[in-house]
N, C-alpha and C. Protein backbone atom coordinates (compact mmCIF):
# COMPACT_ATOMS: atom_id res chain seq x y z
N MET A 1 -2.40 -22.30 -12.75
CA MET A 1 -2.24 -21.35 -13.82
C MET A 1 -2.00 -22.10 -15.10
N SER A 2 -2.73 -21.78 -16.12
CA SER A 2 -2.48 -22.46 -17.43
C SER A 2 -1.28 -21.90 -18.10
N SER A 3 -0.70 -22.68 -19.01
CA SER A 3 0.52 -22.41 -19.70
C SER A 3 0.39 -21.10 -20.60
N ASP A 4 -0.85 -20.84 -20.98
CA ASP A 4 -1.01 -19.60 -21.85
C ASP A 4 -1.26 -18.29 -21.06
N ALA A 5 -1.35 -18.47 -19.76
CA ALA A 5 -1.54 -17.30 -18.92
C ALA A 5 -0.26 -16.45 -18.78
N THR A 6 -0.41 -15.14 -18.78
CA THR A 6 0.76 -14.30 -18.67
C THR A 6 0.72 -13.60 -17.29
N GLU A 7 1.91 -13.35 -16.72
CA GLU A 7 1.96 -12.75 -15.44
C GLU A 7 1.81 -11.22 -15.67
N HIS A 8 1.12 -10.64 -14.74
CA HIS A 8 0.87 -9.13 -14.90
C HIS A 8 1.34 -8.44 -13.66
N ASP A 9 2.21 -7.43 -13.77
CA ASP A 9 2.70 -6.66 -12.68
C ASP A 9 2.46 -5.16 -12.89
N ASP A 10 1.50 -4.63 -12.10
CA ASP A 10 1.13 -3.26 -12.18
C ASP A 10 2.12 -2.35 -11.58
N THR A 11 3.10 -2.78 -10.85
CA THR A 11 4.10 -1.88 -10.27
C THR A 11 5.24 -1.46 -11.17
N THR A 12 5.38 -2.04 -12.36
CA THR A 12 6.49 -1.77 -13.20
C THR A 12 6.39 -0.50 -14.11
N GLY A 13 5.12 -0.26 -14.43
CA GLY A 13 4.84 0.89 -15.28
C GLY A 13 5.24 0.63 -16.74
N ASP A 14 5.53 -0.62 -17.07
CA ASP A 14 5.91 -0.97 -18.46
C ASP A 14 4.74 -1.31 -19.37
N HIS A 15 3.54 -1.24 -18.83
CA HIS A 15 2.37 -1.56 -19.65
C HIS A 15 1.70 -0.24 -20.16
N ASP A 16 0.84 -0.36 -21.17
CA ASP A 16 0.22 0.87 -21.66
C ASP A 16 -0.85 1.28 -20.67
N ASP A 17 -0.66 2.39 -20.13
CA ASP A 17 -1.62 3.04 -19.19
C ASP A 17 -2.00 4.36 -19.65
N PRO A 18 -3.36 4.52 -19.99
CA PRO A 18 -3.80 5.81 -20.52
C PRO A 18 -3.60 6.92 -19.60
N THR A 19 -3.48 6.79 -18.26
CA THR A 19 -3.34 7.87 -17.26
C THR A 19 -1.88 8.35 -17.31
N GLY A 20 -0.83 7.44 -17.62
CA GLY A 20 0.49 7.80 -17.59
C GLY A 20 1.04 7.82 -16.15
N MET A 21 0.21 7.28 -15.17
CA MET A 21 0.58 7.26 -13.78
C MET A 21 1.13 5.98 -13.39
N THR A 22 2.07 5.96 -12.37
CA THR A 22 2.52 4.64 -11.83
C THR A 22 1.53 4.22 -10.84
N ALA A 23 1.73 2.95 -10.38
CA ALA A 23 0.77 2.37 -9.37
C ALA A 23 0.82 3.25 -8.08
N ASP A 24 1.98 3.70 -7.69
CA ASP A 24 2.14 4.55 -6.41
C ASP A 24 1.41 5.86 -6.63
N GLU A 25 1.49 6.43 -7.83
CA GLU A 25 0.75 7.73 -8.09
C GLU A 25 -0.73 7.56 -8.12
N LYS A 26 -1.22 6.41 -8.67
CA LYS A 26 -2.59 6.16 -8.68
C LYS A 26 -3.13 5.94 -7.29
N ARG A 27 -2.43 5.16 -6.39
CA ARG A 27 -2.78 5.00 -5.05
C ARG A 27 -2.89 6.31 -4.27
N HIS A 28 -1.87 7.21 -4.54
CA HIS A 28 -1.93 8.52 -3.77
C HIS A 28 -3.09 9.26 -4.31
N ASP A 29 -3.35 9.30 -5.54
CA ASP A 29 -4.39 10.07 -6.15
C ASP A 29 -5.81 9.51 -5.67
N GLN A 30 -5.96 8.31 -5.53
CA GLN A 30 -7.25 7.70 -5.09
C GLN A 30 -7.40 8.01 -3.57
N LEU A 31 -6.28 7.93 -2.81
CA LEU A 31 -6.49 8.10 -1.30
C LEU A 31 -6.61 9.57 -1.01
N THR A 32 -6.30 10.48 -1.81
CA THR A 32 -6.29 11.94 -1.44
C THR A 32 -7.41 12.65 -2.21
N ARG A 33 -8.23 11.98 -2.99
CA ARG A 33 -9.15 12.59 -3.76
C ARG A 33 -10.40 12.99 -3.06
N ALA A 34 -10.74 12.30 -1.96
CA ALA A 34 -12.00 12.58 -1.21
C ALA A 34 -11.95 14.00 -0.62
N PRO A 35 -13.20 14.66 -0.50
CA PRO A 35 -13.18 16.12 -0.03
C PRO A 35 -12.41 16.41 1.30
N LYS A 36 -12.53 15.49 2.25
CA LYS A 36 -11.93 15.80 3.58
C LYS A 36 -10.60 15.05 3.74
N SER A 37 -10.03 14.47 2.70
CA SER A 37 -8.73 13.72 2.85
C SER A 37 -7.54 14.71 2.89
N ASP A 38 -6.46 14.21 3.39
CA ASP A 38 -5.23 14.98 3.36
C ASP A 38 -4.09 14.00 3.13
N GLU A 39 -2.85 14.53 3.13
CA GLU A 39 -1.75 13.73 2.77
C GLU A 39 -1.49 12.47 3.57
N SER A 40 -1.85 12.56 4.93
CA SER A 40 -1.68 11.41 5.72
C SER A 40 -2.56 10.22 5.42
N ASP A 41 -3.59 10.43 4.58
CA ASP A 41 -4.40 9.30 4.19
C ASP A 41 -3.64 8.46 3.12
N ALA A 42 -2.65 9.08 2.47
CA ALA A 42 -1.88 8.28 1.50
C ALA A 42 -0.55 7.75 2.07
N ALA A 43 -0.41 7.94 3.35
CA ALA A 43 0.95 7.44 3.97
C ALA A 43 0.86 5.90 3.94
N PRO A 44 2.04 5.26 3.81
CA PRO A 44 2.10 3.81 3.87
C PRO A 44 1.47 3.21 5.07
N ARG A 45 0.80 2.08 4.94
CA ARG A 45 0.15 1.46 6.06
C ARG A 45 0.93 0.25 6.64
N ILE A 46 1.81 -0.18 5.74
CA ILE A 46 2.69 -1.29 6.20
C ILE A 46 4.14 -1.08 5.94
N THR A 47 4.97 -1.75 6.57
CA THR A 47 6.43 -1.86 6.24
C THR A 47 6.81 -3.33 6.01
N THR A 48 7.72 -3.47 5.15
CA THR A 48 8.17 -4.91 4.93
C THR A 48 9.73 -4.95 5.09
N GLU A 49 10.16 -6.08 5.53
CA GLU A 49 11.60 -6.33 5.80
C GLU A 49 11.94 -7.66 5.25
N GLU A 50 12.91 -7.63 4.34
CA GLU A 50 13.37 -8.97 3.76
C GLU A 50 14.45 -9.40 4.70
N ARG A 51 14.35 -10.61 5.28
CA ARG A 51 15.39 -11.11 6.18
C ARG A 51 16.33 -12.04 5.41
N PRO A 52 17.51 -12.20 5.89
CA PRO A 52 18.53 -12.96 5.17
C PRO A 52 18.12 -14.43 5.01
N ASP A 53 17.24 -15.00 5.90
CA ASP A 53 16.80 -16.38 5.80
C ASP A 53 15.71 -16.51 4.78
N GLY A 54 15.34 -15.44 4.09
CA GLY A 54 14.31 -15.54 3.00
C GLY A 54 12.86 -15.18 3.45
N VAL A 55 12.71 -14.92 4.70
CA VAL A 55 11.44 -14.58 5.31
C VAL A 55 11.10 -13.09 5.10
N THR A 56 9.93 -12.77 4.77
CA THR A 56 9.59 -11.38 4.66
C THR A 56 8.66 -11.02 5.86
N ARG A 57 9.08 -10.03 6.62
CA ARG A 57 8.39 -9.56 7.76
C ARG A 57 7.45 -8.38 7.35
N ILE A 58 6.19 -8.41 7.67
CA ILE A 58 5.25 -7.39 7.37
C ILE A 58 4.67 -6.78 8.70
N ASP A 59 4.75 -5.55 8.89
CA ASP A 59 4.34 -4.94 10.06
C ASP A 59 3.45 -3.68 9.68
N VAL A 60 2.61 -3.25 10.60
CA VAL A 60 1.77 -2.00 10.44
C VAL A 60 2.74 -0.92 10.65
N ALA A 61 2.79 0.03 9.82
CA ALA A 61 3.69 1.16 9.89
C ALA A 61 3.26 2.07 11.02
N ASP A 62 4.26 2.62 11.66
CA ASP A 62 4.06 3.50 12.74
C ASP A 62 3.26 4.85 12.28
N THR A 63 3.42 5.12 11.01
CA THR A 63 2.73 6.24 10.45
C THR A 63 1.35 5.96 9.90
N ALA A 64 0.86 4.69 10.03
CA ALA A 64 -0.45 4.38 9.48
C ALA A 64 -1.55 5.09 10.14
N LYS A 65 -2.40 5.78 9.38
CA LYS A 65 -3.52 6.46 9.94
C LYS A 65 -4.63 5.49 10.43
N VAL A 66 -4.73 4.36 9.63
CA VAL A 66 -5.77 3.32 9.94
C VAL A 66 -4.98 2.09 10.39
N ARG A 67 -5.31 1.69 11.59
CA ARG A 67 -4.62 0.56 12.16
C ARG A 67 -5.63 -0.59 12.46
N PRO A 68 -5.16 -1.92 12.47
CA PRO A 68 -6.06 -2.97 12.71
C PRO A 68 -6.58 -3.04 14.16
N GLY A 69 -7.68 -3.61 14.40
CA GLY A 69 -8.19 -3.77 15.76
C GLY A 69 -9.45 -2.91 16.02
N GLY A 70 -9.65 -1.89 15.07
CA GLY A 70 -10.84 -1.02 15.27
C GLY A 70 -10.94 -0.34 16.52
N GLY A 71 -11.70 0.59 16.64
CA GLY A 71 -11.95 1.34 17.94
C GLY A 71 -10.79 2.22 18.20
N GLU A 72 -10.84 2.70 19.45
CA GLU A 72 -9.69 3.61 19.91
C GLU A 72 -8.63 2.80 20.60
N ALA A 73 -7.44 3.32 20.54
CA ALA A 73 -6.29 2.81 21.27
C ALA A 73 -6.58 2.85 22.72
N HIS A 74 -6.20 1.78 23.41
CA HIS A 74 -6.34 1.69 24.89
C HIS A 74 -4.99 1.62 25.51
N THR A 75 -4.81 2.37 26.63
CA THR A 75 -3.58 2.33 27.40
C THR A 75 -3.85 1.71 28.68
N ARG A 76 -2.74 1.12 29.29
CA ARG A 76 -2.84 0.67 30.61
C ARG A 76 -2.61 1.75 31.64
N ASP A 77 -3.32 1.75 32.74
CA ASP A 77 -3.04 2.79 33.75
C ASP A 77 -2.11 2.29 34.81
């Protein structure tokens, strides 16, 4: 990164935004705008946990409507 580059953080809401919406509000609006969408489409898809040793654990949220792996969930019989 060059010395004249500035860091940009869209999560703070401290920048001039013509919509007046926060990043979370924009995400919710975008994910619920489609004709057949519902509130569950905007549910968080990941959870994060900051551990004391400085490691950040990232997991797929239990409430995630879309999960990695594609296809249907398979269960063992």
